[in-house]
C-alpha atoms as a PDB file:
ATOM      1  CA  UNK A   1      -0.774   9.762   1.650  1.00  0.00           C
ATOM      2  CA  UNK A   2      -0.985  11.830  -0.813  1.00  0.00           C
ATOM      3  CA  UNK A   3      -3.886  12.785  -2.570  1.00  0.00           C
ATOM      4  CA  UNK A   4      -2.952  12.640  -5.774  1.00  0.00           C
ATOM      5  CA  UNK A   5      -1.608   8.949  -5.161  1.00  0.00           C
ATOM      6  CA  UNK A   6      -4.797   8.142  -3.729  1.00  0.00           C
ATOM      7  CA  UNK A   7      -7.044   9.093  -6.314  1.00  0.00           C
ATOM      8  CA  UNK A   8      -4.889   7.638  -8.881  1.00  0.00           C
ATOM      9  CA  UNK A   9      -5.418   4.393  -6.913  1.00  0.00           C
ATOM     10  CA  UNK A  10      -9.333   4.956  -6.952  1.00  0.00           C
ATOM     11  CA  UNK A  11      -9.164   5.193 -10.994  1.00  0.00           C
ATOM     12  CA  UNK A  12      -7.105   2.375 -10.982  1.00  0.00           C
ATOM     13  CA  UNK A  13      -9.404   0.951  -8.663  1.00  0.00           C
ATOM     14  CA  UNK A  14     -12.417   1.661  -9.477  1.00  0.00           C
ATOM     15  CA  UNK A  15     -14.186  -2.340  -9.631  1.00  0.00           C
ATOM     16  CA  UNK A  16     -13.092  -2.222  -5.803  1.00  0.00           C
ATOM     17  CA  UNK A  17     -13.869  -0.968  -2.599  1.00  0.00           C
ATOM     18  CA  UNK A  18     -10.894   1.514  -2.164  1.00  0.00           C
ATOM     19  CA  UNK A  19     -10.293   2.688   1.604  1.00  0.00           C
ATOM     20  CA  UNK A  20      -7.627   6.230   1.451  1.00  0.00           C
ATOM     21  CA  UNK A  21      -6.029   7.539   4.619  1.00  0.00           C
ATOM     22  CA  UNK A  22      -3.852  10.588   4.984  1.00  0.00           C
ATOM     23  CA  UNK A  23      -1.257   8.725   6.855  1.00  0.00           C
ATOM     24  CA  UNK A  24      -0.322   5.665   8.697  1.00  0.00           C
ATOM     25  CA  UNK A  25      -2.007   5.765  11.679  1.00  0.00           C
ATOM     26  CA  UNK A  26      -5.531   6.977   9.687  1.00  0.00           C
ATOM     27  CA  UNK A  27      -4.430   3.317   8.007  1.00  0.00           C
ATOM     28  CA  UNK A  28      -3.846   2.069  11.479  1.00  0.00           C
ATOM     29  CA  UNK A  29      -7.254   2.468  12.872  1.00  0.00           C
ATOM     30  CA  UNK A  30      -9.487   1.913   9.388  1.00  0.00           C
ATOM     31  CA  UNK A  31      -7.953  -1.512   9.027  1.00  0.00           C
ATOM     32  CA  UNK A  32      -8.750  -2.038  12.546  1.00  0.00           C
ATOM     33  CA  UNK A  33     -12.870  -1.781  11.861  1.00  0.00           C
ATOM     34  CA  UNK A  34     -12.469  -3.133   8.402  1.00  0.00           C
ATOM     35  CA  UNK A  35      -9.761  -5.681   7.585  1.00  0.00           C
ATOM     36  CA  UNK A  36      -8.914  -5.111   3.341  1.00  0.00           C
ATOM     37  CA  UNK A  37      -7.796  -7.920   0.767  1.00  0.00           C
ATOM     38  CA  UNK A  38      -4.516  -5.804  -0.239  1.00  0.00           C
ATOM     39  CA  UNK A  39      -3.024  -2.720   1.813  1.00  0.00           C
ATOM     40  CA  UNK A  40      -0.929   0.475  -1.006  1.00  0.00           C
ATOM     41  CA  UNK A  41       1.001   2.476   1.609  1.00  0.00           C
ATOM     42  CA  UNK A  42       3.500   5.488   1.118  1.00  0.00           C
ATOM     43  CA  UNK A  43       6.354   4.472   2.952  1.00  0.00           C
ATOM     44  CA  UNK A  44       7.383   8.015   4.183  1.00  0.00           C
ATOM     45  CA  UNK A  45       3.783   8.995   5.931  1.00  0.00           C
ATOM     46  CA  UNK A  46       3.100  11.692   9.258  1.00  0.00           C
ATOM     47  CA  UNK A  47       2.133  10.488  12.486  1.00  0.00           C
ATOM     48  CA  UNK A  48       3.331   6.643  10.872  1.00  0.00           C
ATOM     49  CA  UNK A  49       5.861   5.076   8.209  1.00  0.00           C
ATOM     50  CA  UNK A  50       5.254   2.476   6.014  1.00  0.00           C
ATOM     51  CA  UNK A  51       7.901   0.490   7.760  1.00  0.00           C
ATOM     52  CA  UNK A  52       6.292   1.048  11.151  1.00  0.00           C
ATOM     53  CA  UNK A  53       2.419   0.427   9.125  1.00  0.00           C
ATOM     54  CA  UNK A  54       3.546  -2.942   8.000  1.00  0.00           C
ATOM     55  CA  UNK A  55       4.785  -4.380  11.052  1.00  0.00           C
ATOM     56  CA  UNK A  56       1.554  -3.588  13.149  1.00  0.00           C
ATOM     57  CA  UNK A  57       0.121  -5.275   9.552  1.00  0.00           C
ATOM     58  CA  UNK A  58       2.084  -8.298  10.204  1.00  0.00           C
ATOM     59  CA  UNK A  59       1.443  -8.779  13.272  1.00  0.00           C
ATOM     60  CA  UNK A  60      -2.386  -8.336  13.356  1.00  0.00           C
ATOM     61  CA  UNK A  61      -2.716 -10.614  10.009  1.00  0.00           C
ATOM     62  CA  UNK A  62       0.230 -11.823   8.741  1.00  0.00           C
ATOM     63  CA  UNK A  63      -0.953 -13.090   5.166  1.00  0.00           C
ATOM     64  CA  UNK A  64      -2.432 -10.244   4.364  1.00  0.00           C
ATOM     65  CA  UNK A  65      -0.796  -8.287   1.413  1.00  0.00           C
ATOM     66  CA  UNK A  66       0.912  -5.441   1.223  1.00  0.00           C
ATOM     67  CA  UNK A  67       2.241  -2.876  -1.359  1.00  0.00           C
ATOM     68  CA  UNK A  68       4.911  -0.463  -0.825  1.00  0.00           C
ATOM     69  CA  UNK A  69       5.057   3.108  -3.109  1.00  0.00           C
ATOM     70  CA  UNK A  70       7.548   5.931  -2.609  1.00  0.00           C
ATOM     71  CA  UNK A  71       9.195   8.180  -4.893  1.00  0.00           C
ATOM     72  CA  UNK A  72      11.869   8.717  -2.224  1.00  0.00           C
ATOM     73  CA  UNK A  73      12.934   5.562  -0.867  1.00  0.00           C
ATOM     74  CA  UNK A  74      14.234   2.515  -3.616  1.00  0.00           C
ATOM     75  CA  UNK A  75      13.084  -0.368  -3.837  1.00  0.00           C
ATOM     76  CA  UNK A  76      16.239  -2.606  -2.185  1.00  0.00           C
ATOM     77  CA  UNK A  77      15.986  -0.554   0.296  1.00  0.00           C
ATOM     78  CA  UNK A  78      12.603  -0.783   0.698  1.00  0.00           C
ATOM     79  CA  UNK A  79      13.612  -4.265   1.136  1.00  0.00           C
ATOM     80  CA  UNK A  80      16.209  -4.177   3.172  1.00  0.00           C
ATOM     81  CA  UNK A  81      13.954  -4.106   6.221  1.00  0.00           C
ATOM     82  CA  UNK A  82      13.433  -6.921   8.339  1.00  0.00           C
ATOM     83  CA  UNK A  83       9.720  -7.008   7.188  1.00  0.00           C
ATOM     84  CA  UNK A  84       8.870  -7.261   3.366  1.00  0.00           C
ATOM     85  CA  UNK A  85       6.391  -6.060   1.278  1.00  0.00           C
ATOM     86  CA  UNK A  86       5.038  -8.137  -0.597  1.00  0.00           C
ATOM     87  CA  UNK A  87       5.805  -5.875  -3.686  1.00  0.00           C
ATOM     88  CA  UNK A  88       7.101  -1.935  -4.835  1.00  0.00           C
ATOM     89  CA  UNK A  89       5.481   1.211  -7.011  1.00  0.00           C
ATOM     90  CA  UNK A  90       7.997   4.066  -7.934  1.00  0.00           C
ATOM     91  CA  UNK A  91       5.859   7.253  -7.531  1.00  0.00           C
ATOM     92  CA  UNK A  92       5.626   8.379 -11.017  1.00  0.00           C
ATOM     93  CA  UNK A  93       7.419   5.401 -12.978  1.00  0.00           C
ATOM     94  CA  UNK A  94       4.265   3.251 -13.738  1.00  0.00           C
ATOM     95  CA  UNK A  95       1.033   3.330 -15.640  1.00  0.00           C
ATOM     96  CA  UNK A  96      -2.572   3.102 -14.449  1.00  0.00           C
ATOM     97  CA  UNK A  97      -2.358  -0.769 -16.177  1.00  0.00           C
ATOM     98  CA  UNK A  98       0.718  -1.472 -14.940  1.00  0.00           C
ATOM     99  CA  UNK A  99      -1.110  -0.464 -11.128  1.00  0.00           C
ATOM    100  CA  UNK A 100      -3.899  -2.807 -12.291  1.00  0.00           C
ATOM    101  CA  UNK A 101      -1.614  -5.341 -13.181  1.00  0.00           C
ATOM    102  CA  UNK A 102       0.196  -5.791 -10.456  1.00  0.00           C
ATOM    103  CA  UNK A 103      -2.453  -4.770  -7.485  1.00  0.00           C
ATOM    104  CA  UNK A 104      -4.554  -7.735  -8.866  1.00  0.00           C
ATOM    105  CA  UNK A 105      -1.610 -10.047  -8.638  1.00  0.00           C
ATOM    106  CA  UNK A 106      -0.585  -9.572  -5.124  1.00  0.00           C
ATOM    107  CA  UNK A 107      -4.394  -9.049  -4.390  1.00  0.00           C
ATOM    108  CA  UNK A 108      -4.788 -13.261  -6.075  1.00  0.00           C
ATOM    109  CA  UNK A 109      -7.519 -11.577  -7.583  1.00  0.00           C
ATOM    110  CA  UNK A 110      -9.605  -9.302 -10.564  1.00  0.00           C
ATOM    111  CA  UNK A 111     -10.536  -6.409  -9.672  1.00  0.00           C
END
């Protein structure tokens, strides 16, 4: 949801088509229109949080990989929910190359 994080993702994934959303509701609308290969979602967002978004995505596309990103929630907290994310990124703790590698591994393809 944060502009800086969206810009970071676009730079890291410059070889991929990246869709952006300011909140979970906007993300869900975009995903209805075009199924992505992977979703990266913040956990704490306005209008719809990352847990709720994950639940909707699991219903709509059960095999769609979803990575969580947060600076407020730990990986253990994020993975304590019933629905599990495919990976976790701590805001500010990952560099560009690590981010790209995690996304490629999770998506199952080179970008």
